C-alpha atoms as a PDB file:
ATOM      1  CA  MET A   1       5.835 -10.240  15.923  1.00  0.00           C
ATOM      2  CA  LEU A   2       6.672  -8.000  13.186  1.00  0.00           C
ATOM      3  CA  ASN A   3      10.886  -8.352  13.663  1.00  0.00           C
ATOM      4  CA  ASN A   4      12.545 -10.085  11.052  1.00  0.00           C
ATOM      5  CA  LYS A   5       9.215  -9.648   8.566  1.00  0.00           C
ATOM      6  CA  SER A   6       8.466  -9.141   5.080  1.00  0.00           C
ATOM      7  CA  ILE A   7       5.328  -6.325   5.344  1.00  0.00           C
ATOM      8  CA  LEU A   8       3.921  -4.932   2.128  1.00  0.00           C
ATOM      9  CA  ILE A   9       1.359  -2.389   1.943  1.00  0.00           C
ATOM     10  CA  THR A  10      -0.849  -1.279  -1.143  1.00  0.00           C
ATOM     11  CA  GLY A  11      -1.501   1.951  -1.849  1.00  0.00           C
ATOM     12  CA  GLY A  12       1.118   2.099   0.535  1.00  0.00           C
ATOM     13  CA  THR A  13       1.912   6.604  -0.274  1.00  0.00           C
ATOM     14  CA  GLY A  14      -1.202   6.975   1.627  1.00  0.00           C
ATOM     15  CA  SER A  15      -2.207   8.385   4.923  1.00  0.00           C
ATOM     16  CA  PHE A  16      -1.898   5.405   6.458  1.00  0.00           C
ATOM     17  CA  GLY A  17       0.792   3.687   4.980  1.00  0.00           C
ATOM     18  CA  LYS A  18       3.296   6.658   5.278  1.00  0.00           C
ATOM     19  CA  LYS A  19       2.215   6.854   9.478  1.00  0.00           C
ATOM     20  CA  PHE A  20       2.249   2.709   9.231  1.00  0.00           C
ATOM     21  CA  THR A  21       5.295   2.679   7.794  1.00  0.00           C
ATOM     22  CA  GLU A  22       6.946   5.553   9.972  1.00  0.00           C
ATOM     23  CA  MET A  23       5.788   3.625  13.355  1.00  0.00           C
ATOM     24  CA  ILE A  24       6.860   0.219  12.699  1.00  0.00           C
ATOM     25  CA  LEU A  25       9.948   1.600  11.337  1.00  0.00           C
ATOM     26  CA  GLN A  26      10.271   3.394  15.179  1.00  0.00           C
ATOM     27  CA  LYS A  27       9.147  -0.019  16.928  1.00  0.00           C
ATOM     28  CA  TYR A  28      10.265  -3.502  15.239  1.00  0.00           C
ATOM     29  CA  ASP A  29      13.118  -4.046  13.647  1.00  0.00           C
ATOM     30  CA  PRO A  30      11.224  -5.661  10.063  1.00  0.00           C
ATOM     31  CA  LYS A  31      13.332  -7.367   7.509  1.00  0.00           C
ATOM     32  CA  LYS A  32      12.031  -4.986   4.942  1.00  0.00           C
ATOM     33  CA  ILE A  33       8.828  -3.069   4.318  1.00  0.00           C
ATOM     34  CA  ILE A  34       7.433  -2.883   0.369  1.00  0.00           C
ATOM     35  CA  ILE A  35       5.341  -0.327  -0.734  1.00  0.00           C
ATOM     36  CA  TYR A  36       3.315  -1.080  -3.512  1.00  0.00           C
ATOM     37  CA  SER A  37       1.572   1.729  -5.296  1.00  0.00           C
ATOM     38  CA  ARG A  38       0.616   3.807  -8.831  1.00  0.00           C
ATOM     39  CA  ASP A  39       2.576   6.707  -8.190  1.00  0.00           C
ATOM     40  CA  GLU A  40       6.204   7.164  -8.588  1.00  0.00           C
ATOM     41  CA  PHE A  41       6.689  10.631  -7.273  1.00  0.00           C
ATOM     42  CA  LYS A  42       4.498   9.789  -4.299  1.00  0.00           C
ATOM     43  CA  GLN A  43       6.671   7.659  -3.656  1.00  0.00           C
ATOM     44  CA  ASP A  44       9.523   9.812  -3.965  1.00  0.00           C
ATOM     45  CA  VAL A  45       8.370  12.102  -1.404  1.00  0.00           C
ATOM     46  CA  MET A  46       7.969   9.138   1.509  1.00  0.00           C
ATOM     47  CA  LYS A  47      10.997   8.176   0.459  1.00  0.00           C
ATOM     48  CA  LYS A  48      12.755  11.682   0.987  1.00  0.00           C
ATOM     49  CA  GLU A  49      10.212  12.823   4.468  1.00  0.00           C
ATOM     50  CA  LEU A  50      11.404   9.324   6.053  1.00  0.00           C
ATOM     51  CA  THR A  51      15.124   9.661   5.144  1.00  0.00           C
ATOM     52  CA  GLN A  52      15.010  13.269   7.227  1.00  0.00           C
ATOM     53  CA  LYS A  53      12.601  11.563   9.973  1.00  0.00           C
ATOM     54  CA  ILE A  54      14.776   8.076  10.304  1.00  0.00           C
ATOM     55  CA  PRO A  55      17.649   7.280   8.363  1.00  0.00           C
ATOM     56  CA  ASP A  56      19.145   4.138   9.964  1.00  0.00           C
ATOM     57  CA  LYS A  57      16.341   2.520   8.906  1.00  0.00           C
ATOM     58  CA  ILE A  58      15.453   4.117   4.947  1.00  0.00           C
ATOM     59  CA  SER A  59      17.149   0.456   3.491  1.00  0.00           C
ATOM     60  CA  LYS A  60      14.492  -1.673   4.993  1.00  0.00           C
ATOM     61  CA  LEU A  61      12.213   0.092   2.736  1.00  0.00           C
ATOM     62  CA  ARG A  62      11.313  -1.126  -0.856  1.00  0.00           C
ATOM     63  CA  PHE A  63       9.520   0.889  -3.273  1.00  0.00           C
ATOM     64  CA  PHE A  64       7.777  -1.166  -5.897  1.00  0.00           C
ATOM     65  CA  ILE A  65       5.349   0.623  -8.875  1.00  0.00           C
ATOM     66  CA  GLY A  66       2.452  -1.664  -9.033  1.00  0.00           C
ATOM     67  CA  ASP A  67      -0.875  -1.529  -9.671  1.00  0.00           C
ATOM     68  CA  VAL A  68      -3.806  -3.946  -7.521  1.00  0.00           C
ATOM     69  CA  ARG A  69      -5.624  -4.476 -10.906  1.00  0.00           C
ATOM     70  CA  ASP A  70      -1.998  -6.030 -12.217  1.00  0.00           C
ATOM     71  CA  LYS A  71      -2.093  -9.885 -10.918  1.00  0.00           C
ATOM     72  CA  ASP A  72       1.325 -10.734 -12.430  1.00  0.00           C
ATOM     73  CA  ARG A  73       2.639  -7.451 -11.051  1.00  0.00           C
ATOM     74  CA  LEU A  74       1.565  -8.843  -7.303  1.00  0.00           C
ATOM     75  CA  TYR A  75       2.464 -11.833  -7.682  1.00  0.00           C
ATOM     76  CA  ARG A  76       5.788 -10.784  -8.085  1.00  0.00           C
ATOM     77  CA  ALA A  77       6.192  -8.544  -5.418  1.00  0.00           C
ATOM     78  CA  PHE A  78       4.131 -10.825  -2.764  1.00  0.00           C
ATOM     79  CA  LYS A  79       7.827 -13.149  -3.258  1.00  0.00           C
ATOM     80  CA  ASP A  80       8.735 -13.829   0.707  1.00  0.00           C
ATOM     81  CA  VAL A  81       6.274 -11.879   1.821  1.00  0.00           C
ATOM     82  CA  ASP A  82       4.576 -12.467   5.219  1.00  0.00           C
ATOM     83  CA  TYR A  83       2.182  -9.784   6.147  1.00  0.00           C
ATOM     84  CA  VAL A  84      -0.336  -7.997   3.474  1.00  0.00           C
ATOM     85  CA  ILE A  85      -1.997  -4.917   4.808  1.00  0.00           C
ATOM     86  CA  HIS A  86      -4.342  -3.785   2.074  1.00  0.00           C
ATOM     87  CA  ALA A  87      -5.284   0.315   1.631  1.00  0.00           C
ATOM     88  CA  ALA A  88      -5.622   0.406  -2.020  1.00  0.00           C
ATOM     89  CA  ALA A  89      -8.165   2.071  -3.268  1.00  0.00           C
ATOM     90  CA  MET A  90     -10.596   4.134  -4.893  1.00  0.00           C
ATOM     91  CA  LYS A  91     -11.889   6.097  -2.122  1.00  0.00           C
ATOM     92  CA  GLN A  92     -13.652   9.942  -3.602  1.00  0.00           C
ATOM     93  CA  VAL A  93     -17.318   9.025  -3.710  1.00  0.00           C
ATOM     94  CA  PRO A  94     -17.826  11.774  -7.057  1.00  0.00           C
ATOM     95  CA  ALA A  95     -15.003   9.833  -8.681  1.00  0.00           C
ATOM     96  CA  CYS A  96     -16.413   6.643  -8.177  1.00  0.00           C
ATOM     97  CA  GLU A  97     -19.861   7.807  -9.012  1.00  0.00           C
ATOM     98  CA  TYR A  98     -18.602   8.923 -12.368  1.00  0.00           C
ATOM     99  CA  ASN A  99     -16.457   6.353 -13.028  1.00  0.00           C
ATOM    100  CA  PRO A 100     -17.898   3.281 -11.967  1.00  0.00           C
ATOM    101  CA  PHE A 101     -16.035   0.298 -14.268  1.00  0.00           C
ATOM    102  CA  GLU A 102     -13.120   1.381 -12.652  1.00  0.00           C
ATOM    103  CA  ALA A 103     -13.734   1.684  -8.910  1.00  0.00           C
ATOM    104  CA  ILE A 104     -15.267  -1.752 -10.036  1.00  0.00           C
ATOM    105  CA  LYS A 105     -11.858  -2.827 -11.086  1.00  0.00           C
ATOM    106  CA  THR A 106      -9.407  -1.252  -7.878  1.00  0.00           C
ATOM    107  CA  ASN A 107     -12.012  -1.901  -5.114  1.00  0.00           C
ATOM    108  CA  ILE A 108     -13.380  -5.236  -5.941  1.00  0.00           C
ATOM    109  CA  HIS A 109     -11.088  -6.800  -8.928  1.00  0.00           C
ATOM    110  CA  GLY A 110      -8.141  -5.791  -7.062  1.00  0.00           C
ATOM    111  CA  ALA A 111      -8.975  -7.351  -3.577  1.00  0.00           C
ATOM    112  CA  GLN A 112      -9.546 -10.235  -5.514  1.00  0.00           C
ATOM    113  CA  ASN A 113      -6.090 -10.649  -7.022  1.00  0.00           C
ATOM    114  CA  ILE A 114      -4.682  -9.977  -3.412  1.00  0.00           C
ATOM    115  CA  ILE A 115      -5.948 -12.587  -2.209  1.00  0.00           C
ATOM    116  CA  ASP A 116      -5.275 -14.942  -4.946  1.00  0.00           C
ATOM    117  CA  ALA A 117      -1.795 -14.033  -4.875  1.00  0.00           C
ATOM    118  CA  ALA A 118      -1.685 -14.211  -0.515  1.00  0.00           C
ATOM    119  CA  LEU A 119      -3.489 -17.957  -1.285  1.00  0.00           C
ATOM    120  CA  ASP A 120      -0.951 -18.699  -4.065  1.00  0.00           C
ATOM    121  CA  LYS A 121       2.628 -17.192  -2.470  1.00  0.00           C
ATOM    122  CA  ASP A 122       2.195 -18.315   1.144  1.00  0.00           C
ATOM    123  CA  VAL A 123       1.412 -15.097   2.659  1.00  0.00           C
ATOM    124  CA  LYS A 124       0.885 -15.404   6.546  1.00  0.00           C
ATOM    125  CA  LYS A 125      -1.863 -12.567   7.626  1.00  0.00           C
ATOM    126  CA  VAL A 126      -3.817  -9.704   5.078  1.00  0.00           C
ATOM    127  CA  VAL A 127      -5.154  -7.421   6.920  1.00  0.00           C
ATOM    128  CA  ALA A 128      -7.236  -5.229   4.972  1.00  0.00           C
ATOM    129  CA  LEU A 129      -8.943  -1.573   5.705  1.00  0.00           C
ATOM    130  CA  SER A 130     -12.318  -0.817   5.477  1.00  0.00           C
ATOM    131  CA  THR A 131     -14.766   1.817   5.471  1.00  0.00           C
ATOM    132  CA  ASP A 132     -17.978   3.217   7.528  1.00  0.00           C
ATOM    133  CA  LYS A 133     -19.325   3.607   3.824  1.00  0.00           C
ATOM    134  CA  ALA A 134     -19.460  -0.072   3.449  1.00  0.00           C
ATOM    135  CA  VAL A 135     -21.908  -0.452   6.466  1.00  0.00           C
ATOM    136  CA  ASN A 136     -25.361  -0.038   4.604  1.00  0.00           C
ATOM    137  CA  PRO A 137     -24.106   1.684   1.621  1.00  0.00           C
ATOM    138  CA  ILE A 138     -25.307   4.634  -0.004  1.00  0.00           C
ATOM    139  CA  ASN A 139     -23.112   4.989  -2.298  1.00  0.00           C
ATOM    140  CA  LEU A 140     -20.557   3.074  -4.824  1.00  0.00           C
ATOM    141  CA  TYR A 141     -17.296   3.346  -3.457  1.00  0.00           C
ATOM    142  CA  GLY A 142     -19.177   1.976   0.000  1.00  0.00           C
ATOM    143  CA  GLY A 143     -20.817  -1.085  -2.401  1.00  0.00           C
ATOM    144  CA  THR A 144     -17.674  -1.853  -3.616  1.00  0.00           C
ATOM    145  CA  LYS A 145     -15.842  -1.841  -0.174  1.00  0.00           C
ATOM    146  CA  LEU A 146     -18.738  -3.797   1.125  1.00  0.00           C
ATOM    147  CA  VAL A 147     -18.216  -6.467  -1.300  1.00  0.00           C
ATOM    148  CA  SER A 148     -14.591  -6.312  -0.763  1.00  0.00           C
ATOM    149  CA  ASP A 149     -14.840  -6.805   2.356  1.00  0.00           C
ATOM    150  CA  LYS A 150     -16.727  -9.952   1.807  1.00  0.00           C
ATOM    151  CA  LEU A 151     -14.150 -11.698  -0.300  1.00  0.00           C
ATOM    152  CA  PHE A 152     -11.799 -10.570   2.805  1.00  0.00           C
ATOM    153  CA  VAL A 153     -13.522 -12.779   5.189  1.00  0.00           C
ATOM    154  CA  SER A 154     -14.356 -15.128   2.685  1.00  0.00           C
ATOM    155  CA  ALA A 155     -10.977 -15.958   2.045  1.00  0.00           C
ATOM    156  CA  ASN A 156     -10.459 -18.000   5.117  1.00  0.00           C
ATOM    157  CA  ALA A 157     -12.476 -20.617   3.550  1.00  0.00           C
ATOM    158  CA  TYR A 158      -9.656 -21.108   1.428  1.00  0.00           C
ATOM    159  CA  SER A 159      -6.840 -21.180   3.287  1.00  0.00           C
ATOM    160  CA  GLY A 160      -6.734 -24.554   4.706  1.00  0.00           C
ATOM    161  CA  GLU A 161      -5.002 -25.337   7.999  1.00  0.00           C
ATOM    162  CA  GLU A 162      -1.601 -23.551   7.602  1.00  0.00           C
ATOM    163  CA  GLY A 163      -2.662 -21.050   4.595  1.00  0.00           C
ATOM    164  CA  ALA A 164      -3.623 -17.197   4.524  1.00  0.00           C
ATOM    165  CA  VAL A 165      -5.102 -15.216   7.484  1.00  0.00           C
ATOM    166  CA  PHE A 166      -7.885 -12.491   6.112  1.00  0.00           C
ATOM    167  CA  SER A 167      -9.096 -10.132   9.085  1.00  0.00           C
ATOM    168  CA  VAL A 168     -10.695  -6.391   7.874  1.00  0.00           C
ATOM    169  CA  VAL A 169     -10.185  -3.159  10.087  1.00  0.00           C
ATOM    170  CA  ARG A 170     -12.792  -0.971   9.757  1.00  0.00           C
ATOM    171  CA  TYR A 171     -12.910   2.804  10.322  1.00  0.00           C
ATOM    172  CA  GLY A 172     -14.442   6.281  10.379  1.00  0.00           C
ATOM    173  CA  ASN A 173     -13.251   9.670   8.780  1.00  0.00           C
ATOM    174  CA  VAL A 174      -9.522   9.655  10.488  1.00  0.00           C
ATOM    175  CA  SER A 175      -9.347  12.679  11.594  1.00  0.00           C
ATOM    176  CA  GLY A 176      -6.782  15.174  10.211  1.00  0.00           C
ATOM    177  CA  SER A 177      -5.804  12.749   7.528  1.00  0.00           C
ATOM    178  CA  ARG A 178      -5.596  13.499   3.666  1.00  0.00           C
ATOM    179  CA  GLY A 179      -9.569  14.512   2.947  1.00  0.00           C
ATOM    180  CA  SER A 180     -10.990  15.071   6.319  1.00  0.00           C
ATOM    181  CA  VAL A 181     -12.470  18.175   7.725  1.00  0.00           C
ATOM    182  CA  ILE A 182      -9.828  19.201   9.485  1.00  0.00           C
ATOM    183  CA  PRO A 183      -7.344  20.120   7.102  1.00  0.00           C
ATOM    184  CA  LEU A 184      -9.948  21.696   5.067  1.00  0.00           C
ATOM    185  CA  PHE A 185     -10.959  24.307   7.527  1.00  0.00           C
ATOM    186  CA  LYS A 186      -7.348  24.680   8.639  1.00  0.00           C
ATOM    187  CA  GLU A 187      -6.409  26.144   5.084  1.00  0.00           C
ATOM    188  CA  LEU A 188      -9.470  28.161   4.720  1.00  0.00           C
ATOM    189  CA  ILE A 189      -8.809  29.680   8.719  1.00  0.00           C
ATOM    190  CA  GLU A 190      -5.217  30.346   7.553  1.00  0.00           C
ATOM    191  CA  LYS A 191      -6.651  32.266   4.385  1.00  0.00           C
ATOM    192  CA  GLY A 192      -8.997  34.373   5.672  1.00  0.00           C
ATOM    193  CA  ASN A 193     -12.113  33.406   5.515  1.00  0.00           C
ATOM    194  CA  LEU A 194     -14.651  34.441   7.450  1.00  0.00           C
ATOM    195  CA  GLU A 195     -17.039  31.329   7.162  1.00  0.00           C
ATOM    196  CA  LEU A 196     -16.634  27.560   7.733  1.00  0.00           C
ATOM    197  CA  PRO A 197     -18.971  25.422   5.015  1.00  0.00           C
ATOM    198  CA  ILE A 198     -20.599  22.826   7.038  1.00  0.00           C
ATOM    199  CA  THR A 199     -22.985  20.405   4.778  1.00  0.00           C
ATOM    200  CA  ASP A 200     -25.835  20.113   7.867  1.00  0.00           C
ATOM    201  CA  GLU A 201     -25.616  21.351  11.418  1.00  0.00           C
ATOM    202  CA  ARG A 202     -26.423  17.938  12.706  1.00  0.00           C
ATOM    203  CA  MET A 203     -24.003  15.875  11.000  1.00  0.00           C
ATOM    204  CA  THR A 204     -21.851  13.467  13.619  1.00  0.00           C
ATOM    205  CA  ARG A 205     -18.690  11.471  13.080  1.00  0.00           C
ATOM    206  CA  PHE A 206     -16.048   9.269  14.915  1.00  0.00           C
ATOM    207  CA  TRP A 207     -12.627  10.956  16.155  1.00  0.00           C
ATOM    208  CA  MET A 208      -9.696   8.398  15.460  1.00  0.00           C
ATOM    209  CA  THR A 209      -6.547   9.223  14.593  1.00  0.00           C
ATOM    210  CA  LEU A 210      -3.978   7.699  12.419  1.00  0.00           C
ATOM    211  CA  ASP A 211      -2.026   6.421  15.467  1.00  0.00           C
ATOM    212  CA  ASP A 212      -5.058   4.417  16.748  1.00  0.00           C
ATOM    213  CA  ALA A 213      -5.532   3.401  13.065  1.00  0.00           C
ATOM    214  CA  VAL A 214      -2.538   1.658  12.801  1.00  0.00           C
ATOM    215  CA  ASN A 215      -2.745   0.079  16.087  1.00  0.00           C
ATOM    216  CA  LEU A 216      -6.129  -1.467  15.288  1.00  0.00           C
ATOM    217  CA  VAL A 217      -3.782  -2.868  12.167  1.00  0.00           C
ATOM    218  CA  ILE A 218      -0.997  -3.556  14.255  1.00  0.00           C
ATOM    219  CA  ARG A 219      -3.798  -6.031  16.771  1.00  0.00           C
ATOM    220  CA  ALA A 220      -5.399  -7.632  14.107  1.00  0.00           C
ATOM    221  CA  LEU A 221      -1.811  -8.886  12.678  1.00  0.00           C
ATOM    222  CA  ASN A 222      -1.147 -10.243  15.939  1.00  0.00           C
ATOM    223  CA  GLU A 223      -4.534 -11.559  16.894  1.00  0.00           C
ATOM    224  CA  SER A 224      -5.887 -12.852  14.019  1.00  0.00           C
ATOM    225  CA  LYS A 225      -6.955 -16.146  13.243  1.00  0.00           C
ATOM    226  CA  GLY A 226      -9.435 -15.581  10.526  1.00  0.00           C
ATOM    227  CA  GLY A 227     -12.982 -13.749   9.332  1.00  0.00           C
ATOM    228  CA  GLU A 228     -12.584 -10.880  12.062  1.00  0.00           C
ATOM    229  CA  THR A 229     -13.361  -7.626  11.080  1.00  0.00           C
ATOM    230  CA  TYR A 230     -12.382  -4.438  13.782  1.00  0.00           C
ATOM    231  CA  VAL A 231     -13.654  -2.059  14.830  1.00  0.00           C
ATOM    232  CA  PHE A 232     -12.173   0.903  16.764  1.00  0.00           C
ATOM    233  CA  LYS A 233     -13.954   2.427  20.173  1.00  0.00           C
ATOM    234  CA  ASN A 234     -14.158   5.730  19.279  1.00  0.00           C
ATOM    235  CA  PRO A 235     -16.288   9.060  20.587  1.00  0.00           C
ATOM    236  CA  SER A 236     -17.941  10.968  18.555  1.00  0.00           C
ATOM    237  CA  TYR A 237     -18.064  14.664  18.460  1.00  0.00           C
ATOM    238  CA  LYS A 238     -20.160  17.293  16.253  1.00  0.00           C
ATOM    239  CA  VAL A 239     -18.811  18.574  13.052  1.00  0.00           C
ATOM    240  CA  THR A 240     -20.176  22.159  14.489  1.00  0.00           C
ATOM    241  CA  ASP A 241     -18.022  21.853  17.252  1.00  0.00           C
ATOM    242  CA  ILE A 242     -15.000  21.160  15.135  1.00  0.00           C
ATOM    243  CA  ALA A 243     -15.870  24.385  13.419  1.00  0.00           C
ATOM    244  CA  GLU A 244     -15.851  26.405  16.959  1.00  0.00           C
ATOM    245  CA  ALA A 245     -13.083  24.386  17.865  1.00  0.00           C
ATOM    246  CA  MET A 246     -10.327  25.610  15.543  1.00  0.00           C
ATOM    247  CA  ASN A 247     -12.208  29.183  14.829  1.00  0.00           C
ATOM    248  CA  PRO A 248     -13.754  30.361  18.061  1.00  0.00           C
ATOM    249  CA  GLY A 249     -16.972  32.853  17.200  1.00  0.00           C
ATOM    250  CA  ALA A 250     -17.002  31.907  13.231  1.00  0.00           C
ATOM    251  CA  LYS A 251     -19.616  31.982  10.830  1.00  0.00           C
ATOM    252  CA  ILE A 252     -21.046  28.803   9.711  1.00  0.00           C
ATOM    253  CA  LYS A 253     -21.947  28.356   6.049  1.00  0.00           C
ATOM    254  CA  ILE A 254     -24.832  25.207   5.537  1.00  0.00           C
ATOM    255  CA  ILE A 255     -24.099  23.949   2.335  1.00  0.00           C
ATOM    256  CA  GLY A 256     -26.449  21.368   2.125  1.00  0.00           C
ATOM    257  CA  ILE A 257     -25.802  17.519   2.324  1.00  0.00           C
ATOM    258  CA  ARG A 258     -23.426  16.223  -0.275  1.00  0.00           C
ATOM    259  CA  GLU A 259     -24.695  13.348  -2.500  1.00  0.00           C
ATOM    260  CA  GLY A 260     -23.461   9.726  -1.086  1.00  0.00           C
ATOM    261  CA  GLU A 261     -22.951  11.518   2.310  1.00  0.00           C
ATOM    262  CA  LYS A 262     -24.234  10.266   5.738  1.00  0.00           C
ATOM    263  CA  LEU A 263     -25.537  12.702   8.547  1.00  0.00           C
ATOM    264  CA  HIS A 264     -24.130  10.322  10.718  1.00  0.00           C
ATOM    265  CA  GLU A 265     -21.791   7.456  10.703  1.00  0.00           C
ATOM    266  CA  CYS A 266     -22.150   3.552  11.270  1.00  0.00           C
ATOM    267  CA  MET A 267     -19.673   1.241  12.211  1.00  0.00           C
ATOM    268  CA  ILE A 268     -21.580  -1.895  13.606  1.00  0.00           C
ATOM    269  CA  THR A 269     -24.879  -2.249  12.336  1.00  0.00           C
ATOM    270  CA  SER A 270     -28.253  -3.886  14.431  1.00  0.00           C
ATOM    271  CA  GLU A 271     -28.097  -6.952  11.927  1.00  0.00           C
ATOM    272  CA  ASP A 272     -24.302  -7.665  13.115  1.00  0.00           C
ATOM    273  CA  SER A 273     -25.238  -7.071  16.761  1.00  0.00           C
ATOM    274  CA  ARG A 274     -25.513 -10.840  16.676  1.00  0.00           C
ATOM    275  CA  ARG A 275     -22.293 -11.658  15.982  1.00  0.00           C
ATOM    276  CA  THR A 276     -20.302  -9.095  17.569  1.00  0.00           C
ATOM    277  CA  TYR A 277     -18.210  -9.233  21.149  1.00  0.00           C
ATOM    278  CA  GLU A 278     -17.277  -6.180  22.771  1.00  0.00           C
ATOM    279  CA  TYR A 279     -13.272  -6.372  24.286  1.00  0.00           C
ATOM    280  CA  ASP A 280     -11.504  -3.485  26.274  1.00  0.00           C
ATOM    281  CA  ASP A 281     -10.904  -0.610  23.218  1.00  0.00           C
ATOM    282  CA  HIS A 282     -12.175  -2.120  20.662  1.00  0.00           C
ATOM    283  CA  TYR A 283     -14.947  -4.508  18.839  1.00  0.00           C
ATOM    284  CA  ILE A 284     -15.142  -7.678  16.658  1.00  0.00           C
ATOM    285  CA  ILE A 285     -17.814  -8.551  14.134  1.00  0.00           C
ATOM    286  CA  TYR A 286     -17.257 -12.425  13.830  1.00  0.00           C
ATOM    287  CA  PRO A 287     -18.551 -13.900  10.636  1.00  0.00           C
ATOM    288  CA  ASP A 288     -21.446 -16.258  10.331  1.00  0.00           C
ATOM    289  CA  PHE A 289     -20.192 -19.117   8.443  1.00  0.00           C
ATOM    290  CA  ILE A 290     -20.004 -23.321   8.199  1.00  0.00           C
ATOM    291  CA  TRP A 291     -16.489 -23.046   8.462  1.00  0.00           C
ATOM    292  CA  TRP A 292     -16.414 -20.957  11.090  1.00  0.00           C
ATOM    293  CA  ASN A 293     -16.503 -22.089  14.898  1.00  0.00           C
ATOM    294  CA  LYS A 294     -15.902 -20.676  18.226  1.00  0.00           C
ATOM    295  CA  GLU A 295     -13.754 -22.974  19.416  1.00  0.00           C
ATOM    296  CA  ASN A 296     -10.914 -22.301  16.405  1.00  0.00           C
ATOM    297  CA  TYR A 297     -11.431 -18.412  15.751  1.00  0.00           C
ATOM    298  CA  PHE A 298     -13.430 -16.830  19.051  1.00  0.00           C
ATOM    299  CA  LYS A 299     -11.287 -14.191  21.046  1.00  0.00           C
ATOM    300  CA  GLU A 300     -11.398 -15.289  24.555  1.00  0.00           C
ATOM    301  CA  GLY A 301     -12.393 -12.056  26.507  1.00  0.00           C
ATOM    302  CA  GLY A 302     -15.049 -10.790  24.675  1.00  0.00           C
ATOM    303  CA  ASN A 303     -18.687 -10.159  25.798  1.00  0.00           C
ATOM    304  CA  LEU A 304     -21.893 -10.367  22.948  1.00  0.00           C
ATOM    305  CA  ILE A 305     -23.227  -6.759  23.107  1.00  0.00           C
ATOM    306  CA  GLU A 306     -26.672  -6.576  23.370  1.00  0.00           C
ATOM    307  CA  GLU A 307     -29.233  -7.681  19.976  1.00  0.00           C
ATOM    308  CA  ASN A 308     -30.040  -4.628  17.774  1.00  0.00           C
ATOM    309  CA  TRP A 309     -27.297  -2.485  19.426  1.00  0.00           C
ATOM    310  CA  GLU A 310     -26.110  -0.044  16.758  1.00  0.00           C
ATOM    311  CA  TYR A 311     -22.194   1.656  16.526  1.00  0.00           C
ATOM    312  CA  ASN A 312     -23.518   5.385  15.495  1.00  0.00           C
ATOM    313  CA  SER A 313     -21.768   8.490  15.818  1.00  0.00           C
ATOM    314  CA  GLY A 314     -25.275   9.912  16.312  1.00  0.00           C
ATOM    315  CA  THR A 315     -26.529   8.075  19.258  1.00  0.00           C
ATOM    316  CA  ASN A 316     -22.648   7.474  20.563  1.00  0.00           C
ATOM    317  CA  ASP A 317     -22.136   6.674  24.571  1.00  0.00           C
ATOM    318  CA  GLU A 318     -18.791   8.980  24.804  1.00  0.00           C
ATOM    319  CA  TRP A 319     -18.729  12.202  23.485  1.00  0.00           C
ATOM    320  CA  LEU A 320     -16.134  15.277  22.852  1.00  0.00           C
ATOM    321  CA  ASP A 321     -16.661  18.621  23.716  1.00  0.00           C
ATOM    322  CA  ILE A 322     -14.911  21.796  22.202  1.00  0.00           C
ATOM    323  CA  GLU A 323     -12.634  22.377  24.499  1.00  0.00           C
ATOM    324  CA  SER A 324     -11.641  18.745  24.559  1.00  0.00           C
ATOM    325  CA  LEU A 325     -11.286  18.693  20.391  1.00  0.00           C
ATOM    326  CA  GLN A 326      -8.967  21.621  20.428  1.00  0.00           C
ATOM    327  CA  LYS A 327      -6.642  19.691  22.523  1.00  0.00           C
ATOM    328  CA  LYS A 328      -7.062  16.718  20.811  1.00  0.00           C
ATOM    329  CA  ILE A 329      -6.715  19.256  17.431  1.00  0.00           C
ATOM    330  CA  ARG A 330      -3.492  20.573  18.324  1.00  0.00           C
ATOM    331  CA  LYS A 331      -1.526  17.168  18.868  1.00  0.00           C
ATOM    332  CA  LEU A 332      -2.729  16.127  14.511  1.00  0.00           C
ATOM    333  CA  ASP A 333       0.394  16.363  12.770  1.00  0.00           C
ATOM    334  CA  ILE A 334      -1.523  18.981   9.961  1.00  0.00           C
END
């Protein structure tokens, strides 16, 4: 599917973009992969890292400086592109709260620019990365991503019969990624800290790796027909168990829940349950618009989930214990 295709990743120097690029170059033979981002230093670092790992494929990479706010630059970058992965966003909750207009420009106006460029430049498919924070949002970051998700789903109404197909993949905290708790704990342990900070001892999260995240995007590229929101099936864990798994017997310091932070991740709300189907290793939330019909857009093999069911890390059926967490953490590239 991805062989001899041109793929563009916005925000391509982030944790996801680097892992996606590496996995695609290892498994497929794309025509080229365009890394579209603002920071030339991160692009240079990424190029050097991949040159070491997969030197025979480095000629397929193109590093394109640009901002998703810049519509003209996007139009230039999207020329002859088959697939777009939209990973660029302002993600830091405090930064978005203090700079709300900037978050809106990147996360909302930038999403609209991606959609316009994809429609006008004959892109085949766009997969937008979302977050659990877009579900019942309590902070501006989540609010902007909720709007972004709705823009991408609704964009299918403007595609026509042969136009771009837009879908969304929704992630929680990706274990071991930049900004997640595991690298923080690792750094503190290596410095000899005797206490690990926990915001609230009741806090739970879903376990998901970067490999899982990439594979879900590949699924969306392969299967999507328009308007789907893909959610990966994940086991849950307690954040206190992560601390114990990484430093057995260590003291825990409760520092209090941060502004805009939830005790539990929610990926699918009870309100969305009426439109959510369960498949082997993932869920799909289908849109509820007049243009969407089951005959044209539905993926066979799914079962409608129970009404009022909610996919929440605190009430999940599958959990990781401390021993399981230790095994999984050892496999992470951190």
